[in-house]
N, C-alpha and C. Protein backbone atom coordinates (compact mmCIF):
# COMPACT_ATOMS: atom_id res chain seq x y z
N MET A 1 15.03 -5.04 1.69
CA MET A 1 15.51 -4.50 0.45
C MET A 1 14.33 -3.82 -0.26
N VAL A 2 14.56 -2.61 -0.70
CA VAL A 2 13.50 -1.87 -1.39
C VAL A 2 13.92 -1.35 -2.75
N HIS A 3 15.21 -1.38 -3.02
CA HIS A 3 15.65 -0.83 -4.29
C HIS A 3 17.00 -1.43 -4.68
N VAL A 4 17.15 -1.74 -5.95
CA VAL A 4 18.42 -2.24 -6.46
C VAL A 4 18.85 -1.37 -7.64
N GLY A 5 20.09 -0.93 -7.63
CA GLY A 5 20.65 -0.19 -8.76
C GLY A 5 20.59 1.32 -8.58
N ASP A 6 21.08 2.00 -9.58
CA ASP A 6 21.09 3.45 -9.64
C ASP A 6 20.05 3.88 -10.67
N PRO A 7 18.91 4.43 -10.22
CA PRO A 7 17.84 4.74 -11.16
C PRO A 7 18.26 5.73 -12.24
N ASN A 8 19.14 6.66 -11.91
CA ASN A 8 19.58 7.61 -12.94
C ASN A 8 20.28 6.89 -14.07
N LYS A 9 21.20 6.00 -13.74
CA LYS A 9 21.90 5.25 -14.78
C LYS A 9 20.99 4.22 -15.44
N ASP A 10 20.15 3.57 -14.64
CA ASP A 10 19.24 2.57 -15.19
C ASP A 10 18.27 3.17 -16.19
N HIS A 11 17.79 4.39 -15.94
CA HIS A 11 16.83 5.01 -16.85
C HIS A 11 17.49 5.58 -18.10
N GLN A 12 18.80 5.65 -18.11
CA GLN A 12 19.50 6.13 -19.31
C GLN A 12 19.62 5.02 -20.37
N CYS A 13 19.52 3.79 -19.94
CA CYS A 13 19.69 2.68 -20.86
C CYS A 13 18.70 1.57 -20.50
N TRP A 14 17.71 1.37 -21.35
CA TRP A 14 16.70 0.36 -21.10
C TRP A 14 17.18 -0.95 -21.74
N GLU A 15 17.47 -1.92 -20.89
CA GLU A 15 17.90 -3.22 -21.38
C GLU A 15 17.51 -4.29 -20.37
N ARG A 16 17.70 -5.53 -20.76
CA ARG A 16 17.38 -6.63 -19.87
C ARG A 16 18.29 -6.58 -18.64
N PRO A 17 17.77 -6.90 -17.45
CA PRO A 17 18.60 -6.84 -16.25
C PRO A 17 19.87 -7.69 -16.35
N GLU A 18 19.77 -8.84 -16.99
CA GLU A 18 20.95 -9.71 -17.09
C GLU A 18 22.04 -9.14 -18.00
N ASP A 19 21.69 -8.13 -18.81
CA ASP A 19 22.68 -7.49 -19.67
C ASP A 19 23.24 -6.20 -19.08
N MET A 20 22.72 -5.78 -17.95
CA MET A 20 23.15 -4.49 -17.38
C MET A 20 24.54 -4.61 -16.78
N ASP A 21 25.34 -3.58 -16.99
CA ASP A 21 26.66 -3.57 -16.39
C ASP A 21 26.84 -2.37 -15.45
N THR A 22 25.71 -1.74 -15.09
CA THR A 22 25.75 -0.66 -14.13
C THR A 22 25.81 -1.25 -12.72
N PRO A 23 26.32 -0.49 -11.76
CA PRO A 23 26.38 -1.00 -10.38
C PRO A 23 24.98 -1.42 -9.89
N ARG A 24 24.90 -2.51 -9.19
CA ARG A 24 23.64 -3.04 -8.68
C ARG A 24 23.62 -2.91 -7.16
N ASN A 25 23.80 -1.70 -6.67
CA ASN A 25 23.74 -1.45 -5.23
C ASN A 25 22.37 -1.80 -4.69
N VAL A 26 22.33 -2.31 -3.47
CA VAL A 26 21.08 -2.71 -2.84
C VAL A 26 20.80 -1.74 -1.70
N TYR A 27 19.57 -1.26 -1.62
CA TYR A 27 19.16 -0.32 -0.59
C TYR A 27 18.00 -0.92 0.20
N LYS A 28 17.94 -0.61 1.49
CA LYS A 28 16.89 -1.15 2.34
C LYS A 28 16.38 -0.07 3.28
N VAL A 29 15.19 -0.31 3.81
CA VAL A 29 14.67 0.55 4.86
C VAL A 29 15.09 -0.09 6.18
N SER A 30 15.25 0.75 7.19
CA SER A 30 15.67 0.28 8.50
C SER A 30 15.14 1.25 9.56
N ILE A 31 15.51 0.99 10.79
CA ILE A 31 15.10 1.91 11.86
C ILE A 31 15.69 3.29 11.60
N GLN A 32 16.92 3.33 11.11
CA GLN A 32 17.60 4.59 10.84
C GLN A 32 17.09 5.24 9.54
N SER A 33 16.66 4.47 8.60
CA SER A 33 16.13 4.96 7.30
C SER A 33 14.75 4.36 7.10
N PRO A 34 13.75 4.90 7.79
CA PRO A 34 12.42 4.28 7.72
C PRO A 34 11.78 4.38 6.33
N GLY A 35 10.86 3.52 6.12
CA GLY A 35 10.09 3.49 4.87
C GLY A 35 8.75 2.89 5.11
N SER A 36 7.93 3.54 5.94
CA SER A 36 6.63 2.96 6.30
C SER A 36 5.74 2.78 5.08
N ASP A 37 5.89 3.64 4.08
CA ASP A 37 5.06 3.51 2.88
C ASP A 37 5.37 2.22 2.13
N VAL A 38 6.63 1.96 1.88
CA VAL A 38 7.01 0.76 1.13
C VAL A 38 6.86 -0.50 2.00
N ALA A 39 7.09 -0.40 3.30
CA ALA A 39 6.91 -1.55 4.18
C ALA A 39 5.45 -1.93 4.29
N ALA A 40 4.57 -0.94 4.43
CA ALA A 40 3.14 -1.22 4.51
C ALA A 40 2.62 -1.78 3.19
N GLU A 41 3.15 -1.29 2.09
CA GLU A 41 2.77 -1.81 0.77
C GLU A 41 3.17 -3.29 0.65
N ALA A 42 4.37 -3.60 1.14
CA ALA A 42 4.83 -5.00 1.11
C ALA A 42 3.93 -5.86 2.01
N ALA A 43 3.56 -5.33 3.18
CA ALA A 43 2.69 -6.08 4.08
C ALA A 43 1.33 -6.34 3.42
N ALA A 44 0.80 -5.34 2.73
CA ALA A 44 -0.49 -5.52 2.05
C ALA A 44 -0.39 -6.58 0.94
N ALA A 45 0.70 -6.56 0.20
CA ALA A 45 0.88 -7.56 -0.87
C ALA A 45 1.00 -8.96 -0.28
N LEU A 46 1.77 -9.09 0.80
CA LEU A 46 1.93 -10.38 1.45
C LEU A 46 0.59 -10.87 2.06
N ALA A 47 -0.20 -9.93 2.57
CA ALA A 47 -1.53 -10.29 3.10
C ALA A 47 -2.42 -10.82 1.98
N ALA A 48 -2.37 -10.18 0.82
CA ALA A 48 -3.15 -10.67 -0.31
C ALA A 48 -2.71 -12.07 -0.71
N ALA A 49 -1.40 -12.32 -0.70
CA ALA A 49 -0.87 -13.66 -1.02
C ALA A 49 -1.34 -14.66 0.04
N SER A 50 -1.36 -14.24 1.29
CA SER A 50 -1.82 -15.12 2.36
C SER A 50 -3.27 -15.55 2.13
N ILE A 51 -4.09 -14.63 1.69
CA ILE A 51 -5.49 -14.94 1.39
C ILE A 51 -5.58 -15.95 0.25
N VAL A 52 -4.78 -15.77 -0.78
CA VAL A 52 -4.79 -16.66 -1.94
C VAL A 52 -4.44 -18.09 -1.52
N PHE A 53 -3.47 -18.25 -0.62
CA PHE A 53 -2.98 -19.59 -0.25
C PHE A 53 -3.69 -20.20 0.95
N GLN A 54 -4.72 -19.54 1.51
CA GLN A 54 -5.40 -20.06 2.69
C GLN A 54 -5.92 -21.48 2.49
N ASP A 55 -6.51 -21.76 1.36
CA ASP A 55 -7.09 -23.08 1.13
C ASP A 55 -6.10 -24.09 0.55
N SER A 56 -5.27 -23.64 -0.38
CA SER A 56 -4.39 -24.59 -1.07
C SER A 56 -3.11 -24.93 -0.30
N ASP A 57 -2.62 -24.01 0.53
CA ASP A 57 -1.39 -24.26 1.30
C ASP A 57 -1.47 -23.48 2.61
N PRO A 58 -2.27 -23.98 3.57
CA PRO A 58 -2.50 -23.24 4.82
C PRO A 58 -1.22 -22.93 5.61
N SER A 59 -0.25 -23.82 5.61
CA SER A 59 0.97 -23.54 6.37
C SER A 59 1.75 -22.38 5.74
N TYR A 60 1.82 -22.34 4.42
CA TYR A 60 2.48 -21.21 3.75
C TYR A 60 1.71 -19.92 3.98
N SER A 61 0.39 -20.01 3.94
CA SER A 61 -0.46 -18.84 4.22
C SER A 61 -0.19 -18.30 5.61
N THR A 62 -0.06 -19.19 6.58
CA THR A 62 0.22 -18.80 7.96
C THR A 62 1.60 -18.14 8.07
N LYS A 63 2.58 -18.71 7.39
CA LYS A 63 3.93 -18.13 7.40
C LYS A 63 3.91 -16.72 6.78
N LEU A 64 3.19 -16.57 5.69
CA LEU A 64 3.06 -15.26 5.07
C LEU A 64 2.42 -14.28 6.04
N LEU A 65 1.38 -14.72 6.72
CA LEU A 65 0.65 -13.85 7.64
C LEU A 65 1.52 -13.41 8.80
N GLN A 66 2.35 -14.31 9.31
CA GLN A 66 3.28 -13.94 10.40
C GLN A 66 4.24 -12.86 9.92
N THR A 67 4.73 -13.00 8.70
CA THR A 67 5.62 -12.00 8.12
C THR A 67 4.90 -10.68 7.93
N VAL A 68 3.64 -10.76 7.49
CA VAL A 68 2.81 -9.56 7.32
C VAL A 68 2.76 -8.75 8.61
N MET A 69 2.51 -9.42 9.69
CA MET A 69 2.35 -8.73 10.98
C MET A 69 3.66 -8.07 11.42
N GLU A 70 4.77 -8.74 11.19
CA GLU A 70 6.08 -8.16 11.52
C GLU A 70 6.39 -6.95 10.65
N VAL A 71 6.14 -7.06 9.36
CA VAL A 71 6.44 -5.96 8.45
C VAL A 71 5.52 -4.77 8.72
N PHE A 72 4.25 -5.05 8.99
CA PHE A 72 3.31 -3.97 9.30
C PHE A 72 3.71 -3.28 10.60
N ASP A 73 4.11 -4.05 11.60
CA ASP A 73 4.55 -3.47 12.87
C ASP A 73 5.74 -2.54 12.63
N PHE A 74 6.68 -2.98 11.80
CA PHE A 74 7.82 -2.13 11.45
C PHE A 74 7.35 -0.83 10.81
N ALA A 75 6.42 -0.95 9.85
CA ALA A 75 5.91 0.23 9.13
C ALA A 75 5.25 1.21 10.10
N ASP A 76 4.51 0.68 11.06
CA ASP A 76 3.79 1.54 11.99
C ASP A 76 4.73 2.14 13.05
N ARG A 77 5.68 1.37 13.48
CA ARG A 77 6.59 1.81 14.55
C ARG A 77 7.62 2.84 14.07
N TYR A 78 8.12 2.66 12.87
CA TYR A 78 9.20 3.53 12.35
C TYR A 78 8.68 4.31 11.13
N LYS A 79 7.92 5.33 11.42
CA LYS A 79 7.25 6.09 10.37
C LYS A 79 8.23 6.98 9.61
N GLY A 80 8.03 7.03 8.35
CA GLY A 80 8.82 7.88 7.46
C GLY A 80 8.73 7.33 6.06
N SER A 81 8.81 8.22 5.10
CA SER A 81 8.71 7.84 3.69
C SER A 81 10.03 7.31 3.18
N TYR A 82 9.99 6.24 2.43
CA TYR A 82 11.23 5.70 1.89
C TYR A 82 11.84 6.66 0.88
N SER A 83 11.02 7.45 0.22
CA SER A 83 11.58 8.43 -0.73
C SER A 83 12.27 9.55 0.01
N ASN A 84 11.93 9.80 1.27
CA ASN A 84 12.69 10.77 2.08
C ASN A 84 13.96 10.15 2.61
N SER A 85 13.87 8.92 3.08
CA SER A 85 15.04 8.24 3.65
C SER A 85 16.11 7.96 2.61
N LEU A 86 15.68 7.60 1.41
CA LEU A 86 16.61 7.24 0.33
C LEU A 86 16.49 8.22 -0.83
N ASN A 87 16.28 9.48 -0.51
CA ASN A 87 15.97 10.49 -1.51
C ASN A 87 16.96 10.53 -2.67
N LEU A 88 18.23 10.51 -2.39
CA LEU A 88 19.22 10.61 -3.47
C LEU A 88 19.20 9.41 -4.39
N VAL A 89 18.71 8.30 -3.90
CA VAL A 89 18.68 7.08 -4.70
C VAL A 89 17.39 6.95 -5.50
N VAL A 90 16.25 7.23 -4.87
CA VAL A 90 14.97 6.90 -5.49
C VAL A 90 14.28 8.07 -6.19
N CYS A 91 14.55 9.29 -5.78
CA CYS A 91 13.91 10.44 -6.42
C CYS A 91 14.76 10.92 -7.57
N PRO A 92 14.17 11.39 -8.65
CA PRO A 92 12.77 11.75 -8.80
C PRO A 92 11.88 10.64 -9.35
N PHE A 93 12.38 9.44 -9.51
CA PHE A 93 11.63 8.39 -10.19
C PHE A 93 10.55 7.75 -9.34
N TYR A 94 10.81 7.53 -8.06
CA TYR A 94 9.89 6.76 -7.23
C TYR A 94 9.43 7.56 -6.01
N CYS A 95 9.26 8.86 -6.18
CA CYS A 95 8.78 9.66 -5.05
C CYS A 95 7.25 9.52 -4.92
N SER A 96 6.79 9.52 -3.99
CA SER A 96 5.35 9.65 -3.74
C SER A 96 5.09 10.36 -2.41
N TYR A 97 -1.37 3.28 3.36
CA TYR A 97 -0.57 2.29 4.11
C TYR A 97 -1.67 1.31 4.26
N SER A 98 -2.10 -0.16 3.82
CA SER A 98 -3.46 -0.60 3.93
C SER A 98 -3.55 -1.72 4.94
N GLY A 99 -4.16 -1.40 6.05
CA GLY A 99 -4.41 -2.41 7.06
C GLY A 99 -5.58 -3.30 6.71
N TYR A 100 -6.35 -2.93 5.67
CA TYR A 100 -7.54 -3.71 5.32
C TYR A 100 -7.20 -5.12 4.90
N ARG A 101 -6.22 -5.27 4.00
CA ARG A 101 -5.86 -6.62 3.54
C ARG A 101 -5.34 -7.46 4.70
N ILE A 102 -4.61 -6.81 5.61
CA ILE A 102 -4.08 -7.55 6.75
C ILE A 102 -5.23 -8.01 7.65
N HIS A 103 -6.21 -7.13 7.86
CA HIS A 103 -7.39 -7.53 8.62
C HIS A 103 -8.12 -8.69 7.94
N LYS A 104 -8.28 -8.57 6.63
CA LYS A 104 -9.01 -9.62 5.90
C LYS A 104 -8.27 -10.96 5.98
N ALA A 105 -6.95 -10.92 5.88
CA ALA A 105 -6.17 -12.16 5.93
C ALA A 105 -6.15 -12.77 7.32
N SER A 106 -6.03 -11.92 8.34
CA SER A 106 -5.86 -12.42 9.72
C SER A 106 -7.16 -12.52 10.49
N GLN A 107 -8.17 -11.77 10.09
CA GLN A 107 -9.41 -11.62 10.82
C GLN A 107 -9.16 -11.06 12.23
N ASN A 108 -8.05 -10.36 12.36
CA ASN A 108 -7.66 -9.71 13.62
C ASN A 108 -8.25 -8.31 13.66
N ALA A 109 -9.17 -8.08 14.57
CA ALA A 109 -9.89 -6.81 14.64
C ALA A 109 -8.98 -5.62 14.93
N SER A 110 -7.80 -5.87 15.46
CA SER A 110 -6.92 -4.74 15.79
C SER A 110 -6.51 -3.98 14.53
N TYR A 111 -6.44 -4.65 13.37
CA TYR A 111 -6.08 -3.95 12.14
C TYR A 111 -7.23 -3.08 11.64
N LEU A 112 -8.44 -3.54 11.87
CA LEU A 112 -9.59 -2.72 11.52
C LEU A 112 -9.65 -1.50 12.43
N ALA A 113 -9.38 -1.71 13.71
CA ALA A 113 -9.33 -0.59 14.66
C ALA A 113 -8.20 0.37 14.28
N TYR A 114 -7.10 -0.16 13.78
CA TYR A 114 -6.00 0.69 13.35
C TYR A 114 -6.43 1.63 12.23
N ILE A 115 -7.17 1.08 11.26
CA ILE A 115 -7.65 1.90 10.15
C ILE A 115 -8.59 2.98 10.68
N GLN A 116 -9.47 2.58 11.59
CA GLN A 116 -10.42 3.54 12.14
C GLN A 116 -9.70 4.67 12.89
N SER A 117 -8.62 4.34 13.59
CA SER A 117 -7.89 5.33 14.36
C SER A 117 -6.94 6.18 13.52
N ASN A 118 -6.38 5.61 12.49
CA ASN A 118 -5.32 6.27 11.74
C ASN A 118 -5.69 6.68 10.32
N GLY A 119 -6.88 6.38 9.90
CA GLY A 119 -7.27 6.67 8.52
C GLY A 119 -7.13 8.12 8.13
N HIS A 120 -7.49 9.01 9.04
CA HIS A 120 -7.43 10.44 8.69
C HIS A 120 -6.00 10.94 8.50
N THR A 121 -5.06 10.35 9.19
CA THR A 121 -3.66 10.77 9.01
C THR A 121 -3.00 10.02 7.87
N SER A 122 -3.67 9.01 7.34
CA SER A 122 -3.10 8.22 6.25
C SER A 122 -3.77 8.49 4.91
N GLY A 123 -4.51 9.59 4.81
CA GLY A 123 -5.06 9.98 3.53
C GLY A 123 -6.54 9.73 3.33
N ALA A 124 -7.27 9.36 4.39
CA ALA A 124 -8.70 9.07 4.23
C ALA A 124 -9.49 10.30 3.78
N ASP A 125 -9.02 11.46 4.15
CA ASP A 125 -9.74 12.70 3.81
C ASP A 125 -9.37 13.23 2.44
N ASP A 126 -8.32 12.69 1.84
CA ASP A 126 -7.87 13.16 0.53
C ASP A 126 -8.71 12.54 -0.57
N ASP A 127 -9.25 13.37 -1.45
CA ASP A 127 -10.02 12.86 -2.57
C ASP A 127 -9.11 12.69 -3.77
N SER A 128 -8.38 11.62 -3.77
CA SER A 128 -7.49 11.27 -4.87
C SER A 128 -8.26 10.38 -5.83
N TYR A 129 -8.29 10.74 -7.11
CA TYR A 129 -9.01 9.94 -8.10
C TYR A 129 -8.07 9.30 -9.11
N PHE A 130 -6.80 9.28 -8.77
CA PHE A 130 -5.81 8.72 -9.69
C PHE A 130 -5.16 7.50 -9.06
N PHE A 131 -5.53 6.34 -9.53
CA PHE A 131 -5.01 5.08 -9.04
C PHE A 131 -3.75 4.76 -9.83
N SER A 132 -2.64 4.61 -9.15
CA SER A 132 -1.39 4.35 -9.84
C SER A 132 -0.53 3.42 -9.02
N TRP A 133 0.62 3.08 -9.56
CA TRP A 133 1.52 2.15 -8.89
C TRP A 133 2.01 2.69 -7.56
N ASP A 134 2.08 4.02 -7.39
CA ASP A 134 2.57 4.56 -6.14
C ASP A 134 1.50 5.30 -5.34
N ASP A 135 0.24 5.24 -5.75
CA ASP A 135 -0.84 5.85 -4.98
C ASP A 135 -2.08 4.95 -5.14
N LYS A 136 -2.27 4.10 -4.17
CA LYS A 136 -3.37 3.15 -4.22
C LYS A 136 -4.54 3.53 -3.32
N ARG A 137 -4.54 4.79 -2.87
CA ARG A 137 -5.63 5.21 -1.98
C ARG A 137 -7.00 4.99 -2.56
N PRO A 138 -7.26 5.31 -3.85
CA PRO A 138 -8.62 5.06 -4.37
C PRO A 138 -9.02 3.58 -4.26
N GLY A 139 -8.11 2.67 -4.57
CA GLY A 139 -8.43 1.24 -4.47
C GLY A 139 -8.65 0.81 -3.03
N THR A 140 -7.83 1.33 -2.13
CA THR A 140 -7.98 1.01 -0.71
C THR A 140 -9.34 1.49 -0.21
N LYS A 141 -9.74 2.68 -0.66
CA LYS A 141 -11.03 3.22 -0.22
C LYS A 141 -12.19 2.40 -0.77
N VAL A 142 -12.05 1.86 -1.97
CA VAL A 142 -13.08 0.97 -2.51
C VAL A 142 -13.22 -0.26 -1.62
N LEU A 143 -12.09 -0.85 -1.26
CA LEU A 143 -12.13 -2.03 -0.36
C LEU A 143 -12.74 -1.68 1.00
N LEU A 144 -12.35 -0.54 1.56
CA LEU A 144 -12.87 -0.15 2.87
C LEU A 144 -14.35 0.21 2.82
N SER A 145 -14.83 0.68 1.68
CA SER A 145 -16.25 1.01 1.60
C SER A 145 -17.10 -0.25 1.76
N LYS A 146 -16.53 -1.42 1.45
CA LYS A 146 -17.27 -2.68 1.71
C LYS A 146 -17.57 -2.84 3.19
N GLY A 147 -16.68 -2.34 4.04
CA GLY A 147 -16.91 -2.42 5.48
C GLY A 147 -18.16 -1.66 5.88
N PHE A 148 -18.40 -0.55 5.20
CA PHE A 148 -19.63 0.21 5.47
C PHE A 148 -20.83 -0.50 4.88
N LEU A 149 -20.70 -0.92 3.62
CA LEU A 149 -21.84 -1.51 2.92
C LEU A 149 -22.24 -2.88 3.48
N GLU A 150 -21.25 -3.72 3.81
CA GLU A 150 -21.56 -5.09 4.24
C GLU A 150 -21.70 -5.23 5.76
N LYS A 151 -20.98 -4.42 6.53
CA LYS A 151 -20.99 -4.59 7.98
C LYS A 151 -21.47 -3.35 8.72
N ASN A 152 -21.85 -2.33 7.97
CA ASN A 152 -22.38 -1.09 8.53
C ASN A 152 -21.42 -0.46 9.55
N ILE A 153 -20.13 -0.50 9.25
CA ILE A 153 -19.14 0.16 10.11
C ILE A 153 -19.20 1.65 9.80
N GLN A 154 -19.82 2.40 10.68
CA GLN A 154 -20.11 3.82 10.42
C GLN A 154 -18.87 4.64 10.14
N GLU A 155 -17.74 4.28 10.76
CA GLU A 155 -16.51 5.03 10.53
C GLU A 155 -16.04 4.94 9.10
N PHE A 156 -16.58 3.99 8.33
CA PHE A 156 -16.17 3.81 6.94
C PHE A 156 -17.11 4.48 5.96
N GLN A 157 -18.08 5.23 6.45
CA GLN A 157 -19.00 5.97 5.58
C GLN A 157 -18.20 6.91 4.68
N LEU A 158 -17.14 7.53 5.21
CA LEU A 158 -16.30 8.42 4.43
C LEU A 158 -15.71 7.72 3.22
N TYR A 159 -15.30 6.46 3.38
CA TYR A 159 -14.73 5.70 2.27
C TYR A 159 -15.79 5.40 1.22
N ARG A 160 -17.00 5.14 1.67
CA ARG A 160 -18.08 4.87 0.72
C ARG A 160 -18.38 6.12 -0.10
N ALA A 161 -18.42 7.28 0.56
CA ALA A 161 -18.69 8.53 -0.17
C ALA A 161 -17.59 8.78 -1.21
N HIS A 162 -16.35 8.55 -0.83
CA HIS A 162 -15.26 8.73 -1.78
C HIS A 162 -15.39 7.75 -2.94
N THR A 163 -15.75 6.50 -2.63
CA THR A 163 -15.88 5.47 -3.66
C THR A 163 -16.99 5.83 -4.64
N ASP A 164 -18.10 6.35 -4.14
CA ASP A 164 -19.18 6.78 -5.03
C ASP A 164 -18.65 7.83 -6.01
N ASN A 165 -17.92 8.81 -5.50
CA ASN A 165 -17.38 9.86 -6.38
C ASN A 165 -16.34 9.29 -7.32
N TYR A 166 -15.52 8.38 -6.84
CA TYR A 166 -14.47 7.79 -7.67
C TYR A 166 -15.09 7.00 -8.83
N MET A 167 -16.13 6.23 -8.54
CA MET A 167 -16.78 5.44 -9.60
C MET A 167 -17.43 6.37 -10.62
N CYS A 168 -18.02 7.46 -10.15
CA CYS A 168 -18.59 8.42 -11.09
C CYS A 168 -17.52 9.10 -11.93
N TYR A 169 -16.35 9.31 -11.34
CA TYR A 169 -15.23 9.88 -12.08
C TYR A 169 -14.81 8.94 -13.22
N LEU A 170 -14.87 7.63 -12.97
CA LEU A 170 -14.42 6.64 -13.96
C LEU A 170 -15.44 6.45 -15.08
N ILE A 171 -16.70 6.72 -14.82
CA ILE A 171 -17.75 6.50 -15.81
C ILE A 171 -17.94 7.77 -16.63
N PRO A 172 -17.58 7.74 -17.91
CA PRO A 172 -17.73 8.93 -18.75
C PRO A 172 -19.17 9.41 -18.79
N GLY A 173 -19.32 10.71 -18.71
CA GLY A 173 -20.65 11.32 -18.84
C GLY A 173 -21.50 11.22 -17.58
N SER A 174 -20.97 10.75 -16.50
CA SER A 174 -21.74 10.63 -15.29
C SER A 174 -22.11 12.02 -14.78
N SER A 175 -23.34 12.19 -14.39
CA SER A 175 -23.77 13.49 -13.91
C SER A 175 -23.66 13.61 -12.39
N ASN A 176 -23.20 12.53 -11.75
CA ASN A 176 -23.18 12.53 -10.28
C ASN A 176 -21.81 12.84 -9.70
N PHE A 177 -20.83 13.13 -10.53
CA PHE A 177 -19.47 13.37 -10.02
C PHE A 177 -19.49 14.64 -9.17
N GLN A 178 -18.98 14.55 -7.95
CA GLN A 178 -19.07 15.67 -7.00
C GLN A 178 -17.71 16.19 -6.60
N ALA A 179 -16.64 15.81 -7.25
CA ALA A 179 -15.31 16.26 -6.81
C ALA A 179 -15.07 17.70 -7.13
């Protein structure tokens, strides 16, 4: 499930969900209607939760991590934007993939290799300086730059360069901004 309701009607009347009387249709991504962007985002969020629960509830953390791997596999196998698959439902409101958190949670090197192989097609070369709810590339690049700084993973030098520019963009009056 990726969306509930009719955004056009929902945006016409702002009220508590329990008071809404508009149809609450449920929409999902599937093999026929892929949504690798939203599926990968869900996998990254679940991976972060898995990290949080590693010490306090290891069995729950493991369960989360198993789900992460399944959801990420779906995202990678059935590529396509959820805003394209469900265009009539989600656009124009919600139109717009991070293996790093999954690697960090699982310590499985295949996710790091995935980033190294697929980063350029997933936005690594784009200099986006606007971090928002539907574009987390700047934050992902900050996390990936740690791979270069802490482990000297040369393929992540690009992320470090972007992070340097992004941090300069955030600091008013910085003379080092190169965008």
